[in-house]
């Protein structure tokens, strides 16, 4: 296992947080909410950084699509469905459920892009 690129972890979390602020608008900018979201995105980015470190720089250098396949795959197969089920159970409209799932897919792909750019 290679080392975790901690700079990429922090930038990935901040990029996802910025995307969330833009995606959700002013309602998502309350300080406590931003702090919680930032902490949770840092946890997510840390796990993603660990995942890329486990794959290793040599493999990622010859298979750079893994950054997007792995980050997007996590969102498509686990995160978006789990959160969509929760939102649907809470009575959210289909549009709201799809918008929420789309945000997480976009957010995870953005984090994958950051790791790709930093060659984590």
N, C-alpha and C. Protein backbone atom coordinates (compact mmCIF):
# COMPACT_ATOMS: atom_id res chain seq x y z
N UNK A 1 0.84 -1.19 0.00
CA UNK A 1 0.00 0.00 0.00
C UNK A 1 0.88 1.24 0.00
N UNK A 2 0.54 2.16 -0.87
CA UNK A 2 1.27 3.42 -0.93
C UNK A 2 0.75 4.38 0.13
N UNK A 3 1.39 5.53 0.23
CA UNK A 3 0.95 6.52 1.21
C UNK A 3 -0.32 7.24 0.76
N UNK A 4 -1.12 7.64 1.72
CA UNK A 4 -2.31 8.44 1.43
C UNK A 4 -1.85 9.86 1.09
N UNK A 5 -2.40 10.41 0.04
CA UNK A 5 -2.10 11.79 -0.35
C UNK A 5 -3.03 12.71 0.45
N UNK A 6 -2.54 13.20 1.58
CA UNK A 6 -3.38 13.98 2.49
C UNK A 6 -3.79 15.33 1.91
N UNK A 7 -2.95 15.92 1.08
CA UNK A 7 -3.33 17.16 0.43
C UNK A 7 -4.52 16.93 -0.50
N UNK A 8 -4.49 15.84 -1.25
CA UNK A 8 -5.61 15.50 -2.12
C UNK A 8 -6.87 15.22 -1.31
N UNK A 9 -6.73 14.59 -0.16
CA UNK A 9 -7.88 14.32 0.72
C UNK A 9 -8.55 15.63 1.11
N UNK A 10 -7.76 16.59 1.56
CA UNK A 10 -8.31 17.87 2.01
C UNK A 10 -8.94 18.63 0.85
N UNK A 11 -8.24 18.68 -0.28
CA UNK A 11 -8.79 19.40 -1.44
C UNK A 11 -10.05 18.72 -1.96
N UNK A 12 -10.09 17.39 -1.97
CA UNK A 12 -11.28 16.66 -2.42
C UNK A 12 -12.48 16.98 -1.53
N UNK A 13 -12.26 17.00 -0.22
CA UNK A 13 -13.35 17.32 0.71
C UNK A 13 -13.83 18.75 0.50
N UNK A 14 -12.90 19.68 0.34
CA UNK A 14 -13.28 21.09 0.12
C UNK A 14 -14.01 21.27 -1.21
N UNK A 15 -13.56 20.55 -2.24
CA UNK A 15 -14.22 20.64 -3.55
C UNK A 15 -15.65 20.12 -3.45
N UNK A 16 -15.84 19.00 -2.77
CA UNK A 16 -17.19 18.45 -2.61
C UNK A 16 -18.06 19.38 -1.77
N UNK A 17 -17.47 20.00 -0.76
CA UNK A 17 -18.21 20.95 0.07
C UNK A 17 -18.64 22.16 -0.76
N UNK A 18 -17.76 22.65 -1.60
CA UNK A 18 -18.11 23.78 -2.47
C UNK A 18 -19.20 23.39 -3.46
N UNK A 19 -19.10 22.20 -4.01
CA UNK A 19 -20.15 21.72 -4.92
C UNK A 19 -21.48 21.65 -4.18
N UNK A 20 -21.46 21.16 -2.96
CA UNK A 20 -22.69 21.09 -2.17
C UNK A 20 -23.30 22.44 -1.91
N UNK A 21 -22.46 23.43 -1.62
CA UNK A 21 -22.97 24.79 -1.39
C UNK A 21 -23.60 25.35 -2.65
N UNK A 22 -22.97 25.11 -3.79
CA UNK A 22 -23.53 25.59 -5.06
C UNK A 22 -24.79 24.82 -5.43
N UNK A 23 -24.78 23.53 -5.20
CA UNK A 23 -25.89 22.65 -5.59
C UNK A 23 -27.14 22.94 -4.76
N UNK A 24 -26.95 23.09 -3.46
CA UNK A 24 -28.10 23.21 -2.55
C UNK A 24 -28.49 24.64 -2.25
N UNK A 25 -27.65 25.59 -2.61
CA UNK A 25 -28.02 26.99 -2.44
C UNK A 25 -27.84 27.51 -1.03
N UNK A 26 -28.38 28.70 -0.78
CA UNK A 26 -28.18 29.40 0.50
C UNK A 26 -28.68 28.64 1.73
N UNK A 27 -29.67 27.80 1.57
CA UNK A 27 -30.21 27.07 2.73
C UNK A 27 -29.16 26.14 3.33
N UNK A 28 -28.19 25.73 2.52
CA UNK A 28 -27.17 24.79 2.99
C UNK A 28 -25.93 25.50 3.53
N UNK A 29 -26.04 26.78 3.81
CA UNK A 29 -24.85 27.53 4.22
C UNK A 29 -24.88 27.96 5.69
N UNK A 30 -25.70 27.35 6.50
CA UNK A 30 -25.67 27.64 7.93
C UNK A 30 -24.36 27.08 8.50
N UNK A 31 -23.69 27.82 9.37
CA UNK A 31 -22.35 27.41 9.85
C UNK A 31 -22.30 25.99 10.43
N UNK A 32 -23.23 25.63 11.27
CA UNK A 32 -23.20 24.29 11.86
C UNK A 32 -23.39 23.22 10.80
N UNK A 33 -24.25 23.48 9.84
CA UNK A 33 -24.50 22.52 8.77
C UNK A 33 -23.26 22.38 7.87
N UNK A 34 -22.62 23.49 7.58
CA UNK A 34 -21.41 23.47 6.75
C UNK A 34 -20.30 22.72 7.48
N UNK A 35 -20.15 22.96 8.77
CA UNK A 35 -19.13 22.28 9.56
C UNK A 35 -19.36 20.77 9.59
N UNK A 36 -20.60 20.36 9.81
CA UNK A 36 -20.92 18.93 9.82
C UNK A 36 -20.68 18.32 8.45
N UNK A 37 -21.16 18.99 7.40
CA UNK A 37 -20.96 18.48 6.05
C UNK A 37 -19.47 18.37 5.73
N UNK A 38 -18.71 19.37 6.11
CA UNK A 38 -17.27 19.35 5.87
C UNK A 38 -16.59 18.19 6.58
N UNK A 39 -16.97 17.94 7.82
CA UNK A 39 -16.38 16.84 8.58
C UNK A 39 -16.72 15.49 7.94
N UNK A 40 -17.97 15.34 7.52
CA UNK A 40 -18.38 14.08 6.90
C UNK A 40 -17.73 13.89 5.53
N UNK A 41 -17.59 14.96 4.78
CA UNK A 41 -16.91 14.86 3.49
C UNK A 41 -15.42 14.58 3.68
N UNK A 42 -14.83 15.11 4.75
CA UNK A 42 -13.44 14.79 5.04
C UNK A 42 -13.29 13.30 5.36
N UNK A 43 -14.24 12.75 6.08
CA UNK A 43 -14.24 11.31 6.35
C UNK A 43 -14.32 10.52 5.04
N UNK A 44 -15.23 10.93 4.17
CA UNK A 44 -15.39 10.27 2.87
C UNK A 44 -14.11 10.38 2.05
N UNK A 45 -13.54 11.57 1.96
CA UNK A 45 -12.32 11.77 1.18
C UNK A 45 -11.14 10.99 1.77
N UNK A 46 -11.11 10.87 3.09
CA UNK A 46 -10.05 10.08 3.74
C UNK A 46 -10.17 8.61 3.33
N UNK A 47 -11.38 8.09 3.35
CA UNK A 47 -11.57 6.70 2.94
C UNK A 47 -11.21 6.51 1.46
N UNK A 48 -11.58 7.50 0.64
CA UNK A 48 -11.26 7.43 -0.78
C UNK A 48 -9.73 7.48 -0.97
N UNK A 49 -9.06 8.34 -0.23
CA UNK A 49 -7.60 8.42 -0.30
C UNK A 49 -6.95 7.11 0.10
N UNK A 50 -7.48 6.48 1.13
CA UNK A 50 -6.97 5.18 1.56
C UNK A 50 -7.19 4.14 0.47
N UNK A 51 -8.37 4.19 -0.16
CA UNK A 51 -8.70 3.24 -1.22
C UNK A 51 -7.71 3.38 -2.38
N UNK A 52 -7.42 4.61 -2.79
CA UNK A 52 -6.48 4.81 -3.89
C UNK A 52 -5.06 4.42 -3.47
N UNK A 53 -4.70 4.66 -2.23
CA UNK A 53 -3.38 4.25 -1.75
C UNK A 53 -3.25 2.73 -1.78
N UNK A 54 -4.33 2.03 -1.46
CA UNK A 54 -4.31 0.56 -1.49
C UNK A 54 -4.12 0.04 -2.91
N UNK A 55 -4.73 0.70 -3.86
CA UNK A 55 -4.56 0.29 -5.26
C UNK A 55 -3.13 0.53 -5.69
N UNK A 56 -2.58 1.65 -5.29
CA UNK A 56 -1.18 1.96 -5.57
C UNK A 56 -0.98 2.86 -6.77
N UNK A 57 0.05 3.67 -6.68
CA UNK A 57 0.35 4.64 -7.73
C UNK A 57 0.71 3.96 -9.05
N UNK A 58 1.40 2.84 -8.99
CA UNK A 58 1.81 2.17 -10.23
C UNK A 58 0.59 1.69 -11.02
N UNK A 59 -0.36 1.10 -10.34
CA UNK A 59 -1.58 0.63 -11.02
C UNK A 59 -2.39 1.80 -11.54
N UNK A 60 -2.54 2.84 -10.71
CA UNK A 60 -3.31 4.01 -11.13
C UNK A 60 -2.66 4.74 -12.29
N UNK A 61 -1.33 4.67 -12.39
CA UNK A 61 -0.63 5.34 -13.49
C UNK A 61 -0.96 4.68 -14.83
N UNK A 62 -1.12 3.37 -14.84
CA UNK A 62 -1.43 2.68 -16.09
C UNK A 62 -2.93 2.50 -16.30
N UNK A 63 -3.72 2.70 -15.26
CA UNK A 63 -5.18 2.59 -15.34
C UNK A 63 -5.83 3.81 -14.69
N UNK A 64 -5.65 4.99 -15.25
CA UNK A 64 -6.16 6.20 -14.61
C UNK A 64 -7.68 6.26 -14.52
N UNK A 65 -8.38 5.50 -15.33
CA UNK A 65 -9.84 5.47 -15.26
C UNK A 65 -10.33 4.91 -13.93
N UNK A 66 -9.45 4.23 -13.20
CA UNK A 66 -9.86 3.69 -11.90
C UNK A 66 -10.26 4.79 -10.91
N UNK A 67 -9.68 5.98 -11.05
CA UNK A 67 -10.07 7.08 -10.17
C UNK A 67 -11.57 7.33 -10.29
N UNK A 68 -12.07 7.32 -11.51
CA UNK A 68 -13.48 7.64 -11.76
C UNK A 68 -14.36 6.41 -11.60
N UNK A 69 -13.86 5.26 -12.01
CA UNK A 69 -14.62 4.04 -11.87
C UNK A 69 -14.86 3.71 -10.39
N UNK A 70 -13.82 3.91 -9.58
CA UNK A 70 -13.94 3.57 -8.17
C UNK A 70 -14.75 4.62 -7.41
N UNK A 71 -14.47 5.91 -7.62
CA UNK A 71 -15.22 6.94 -6.90
C UNK A 71 -16.67 6.98 -7.36
N UNK A 72 -16.88 6.95 -8.68
CA UNK A 72 -18.24 6.94 -9.20
C UNK A 72 -18.98 5.66 -8.85
N UNK A 73 -18.27 4.55 -8.86
CA UNK A 73 -18.88 3.27 -8.51
C UNK A 73 -19.37 3.25 -7.07
N UNK A 74 -18.60 3.82 -6.17
CA UNK A 74 -19.05 3.91 -4.77
C UNK A 74 -20.37 4.67 -4.69
N UNK A 75 -20.42 5.81 -5.39
CA UNK A 75 -21.62 6.64 -5.36
C UNK A 75 -22.80 5.93 -6.02
N UNK A 76 -22.56 5.33 -7.19
CA UNK A 76 -23.65 4.69 -7.94
C UNK A 76 -24.18 3.43 -7.25
N UNK A 77 -23.28 2.65 -6.67
CA UNK A 77 -23.69 1.36 -6.13
C UNK A 77 -24.06 1.38 -4.66
N UNK A 78 -23.54 2.34 -3.90
CA UNK A 78 -23.78 2.33 -2.46
C UNK A 78 -24.43 3.61 -1.93
N UNK A 79 -23.78 4.73 -2.15
CA UNK A 79 -24.20 5.98 -1.51
C UNK A 79 -25.54 6.47 -2.06
N UNK A 80 -25.63 6.65 -3.36
CA UNK A 80 -26.87 7.17 -3.95
C UNK A 80 -28.08 6.27 -3.67
N UNK A 81 -27.97 4.96 -3.85
CA UNK A 81 -29.13 4.12 -3.55
C UNK A 81 -29.54 4.17 -2.07
N UNK A 82 -28.55 4.13 -1.17
CA UNK A 82 -28.88 4.15 0.26
C UNK A 82 -29.59 5.44 0.64
N UNK A 83 -29.06 6.57 0.17
CA UNK A 83 -29.68 7.85 0.51
C UNK A 83 -31.02 8.03 -0.20
N UNK A 84 -31.13 7.53 -1.42
CA UNK A 84 -32.40 7.62 -2.15
C UNK A 84 -33.49 6.83 -1.44
N UNK A 85 -33.14 5.68 -0.94
CA UNK A 85 -34.12 4.87 -0.20
C UNK A 85 -34.57 5.63 1.05
N UNK A 86 -33.62 6.21 1.77
CA UNK A 86 -33.96 6.98 2.96
C UNK A 86 -34.85 8.17 2.65
N UNK A 87 -34.52 8.91 1.59
CA UNK A 87 -35.34 10.06 1.21
C UNK A 87 -36.73 9.63 0.76
N UNK A 88 -36.80 8.54 0.01
CA UNK A 88 -38.10 8.05 -0.45
C UNK A 88 -38.95 7.61 0.74
N UNK A 89 -38.34 6.94 1.70
CA UNK A 89 -39.09 6.52 2.90
C UNK A 89 -39.58 7.71 3.71
N UNK A 90 -38.84 8.81 3.63
CA UNK A 90 -39.22 10.02 4.36
C UNK A 90 -40.29 10.82 3.62
N UNK A 91 -40.66 10.35 2.43
CA UNK A 91 -41.73 10.99 1.69
C UNK A 91 -41.28 12.01 0.66
N UNK A 92 -40.01 12.05 0.34
CA UNK A 92 -39.53 13.00 -0.66
C UNK A 92 -40.08 12.65 -2.03
N UNK A 93 -40.26 13.67 -2.85
CA UNK A 93 -40.75 13.46 -4.21
C UNK A 93 -39.69 12.75 -5.04
N UNK A 94 -40.12 12.18 -6.13
CA UNK A 94 -39.18 11.49 -7.03
C UNK A 94 -38.12 12.45 -7.54
N UNK A 95 -38.52 13.68 -7.82
CA UNK A 95 -37.56 14.69 -8.29
C UNK A 95 -36.51 14.96 -7.23
N UNK A 96 -36.93 15.11 -5.99
CA UNK A 96 -36.00 15.36 -4.88
C UNK A 96 -35.06 14.17 -4.68
N UNK A 97 -35.58 12.97 -4.81
CA UNK A 97 -34.76 11.77 -4.66
C UNK A 97 -33.70 11.72 -5.75
N UNK A 98 -34.09 11.98 -6.99
CA UNK A 98 -33.14 11.95 -8.11
C UNK A 98 -32.12 13.07 -7.97
N UNK A 99 -32.56 14.26 -7.55
CA UNK A 99 -31.62 15.37 -7.36
C UNK A 99 -30.59 15.03 -6.27
N UNK A 100 -31.04 14.43 -5.20
CA UNK A 100 -30.12 14.03 -4.13
C UNK A 100 -29.12 12.99 -4.60
N UNK A 101 -29.60 11.99 -5.31
CA UNK A 101 -28.71 10.95 -5.83
C UNK A 101 -27.71 11.54 -6.82
N UNK A 102 -28.19 12.43 -7.68
CA UNK A 102 -27.31 13.05 -8.67
C UNK A 102 -26.21 13.88 -7.99
N UNK A 103 -26.56 14.56 -6.91
CA UNK A 103 -25.54 15.33 -6.19
C UNK A 103 -24.43 14.42 -5.69
N UNK A 104 -24.78 13.30 -5.08
CA UNK A 104 -23.75 12.43 -4.52
C UNK A 104 -22.90 11.78 -5.59
N UNK A 105 -23.51 11.44 -6.70
CA UNK A 105 -22.73 10.90 -7.82
C UNK A 105 -21.75 11.96 -8.32
N UNK A 106 -22.24 13.17 -8.53
CA UNK A 106 -21.38 14.27 -8.99
C UNK A 106 -20.28 14.57 -7.96
N UNK A 107 -20.64 14.57 -6.69
CA UNK A 107 -19.68 14.87 -5.63
C UNK A 107 -18.56 13.83 -5.57
N UNK A 108 -18.90 12.56 -5.65
CA UNK A 108 -17.89 11.51 -5.61
C UNK A 108 -17.02 11.54 -6.85
N UNK A 109 -17.62 11.81 -8.02
CA UNK A 109 -16.81 11.93 -9.23
C UNK A 109 -15.87 13.12 -9.16
N UNK A 110 -16.33 14.21 -8.56
CA UNK A 110 -15.47 15.38 -8.37
C UNK A 110 -14.30 15.02 -7.46
N UNK A 111 -14.56 14.30 -6.39
CA UNK A 111 -13.47 13.88 -5.51
C UNK A 111 -12.50 12.97 -6.26
N UNK A 112 -13.03 12.07 -7.09
CA UNK A 112 -12.17 11.22 -7.91
C UNK A 112 -11.30 12.05 -8.84
N UNK A 113 -11.89 13.10 -9.41
CA UNK A 113 -11.13 14.00 -10.28
C UNK A 113 -9.99 14.68 -9.51
N UNK A 114 -10.27 15.12 -8.30
CA UNK A 114 -9.22 15.76 -7.49
C UNK A 114 -8.08 14.77 -7.26
N UNK A 115 -8.41 13.55 -6.89
CA UNK A 115 -7.35 12.55 -6.67
C UNK A 115 -6.58 12.27 -7.96
N UNK A 116 -7.28 12.23 -9.09
CA UNK A 116 -6.63 12.05 -10.38
C UNK A 116 -5.66 13.20 -10.65
N UNK A 117 -6.11 14.43 -10.42
CA UNK A 117 -5.28 15.60 -10.68
C UNK A 117 -4.06 15.65 -9.77
N UNK A 118 -4.24 15.15 -8.54
CA UNK A 118 -3.13 15.12 -7.58
C UNK A 118 -2.31 13.83 -7.71
N UNK A 119 -2.74 12.95 -8.57
CA UNK A 119 -2.09 11.64 -8.77
C UNK A 119 -1.84 10.95 -7.44
N UNK A 120 -2.95 10.82 -6.70
CA UNK A 120 -2.87 10.22 -5.36
C UNK A 120 -2.40 8.80 -5.41
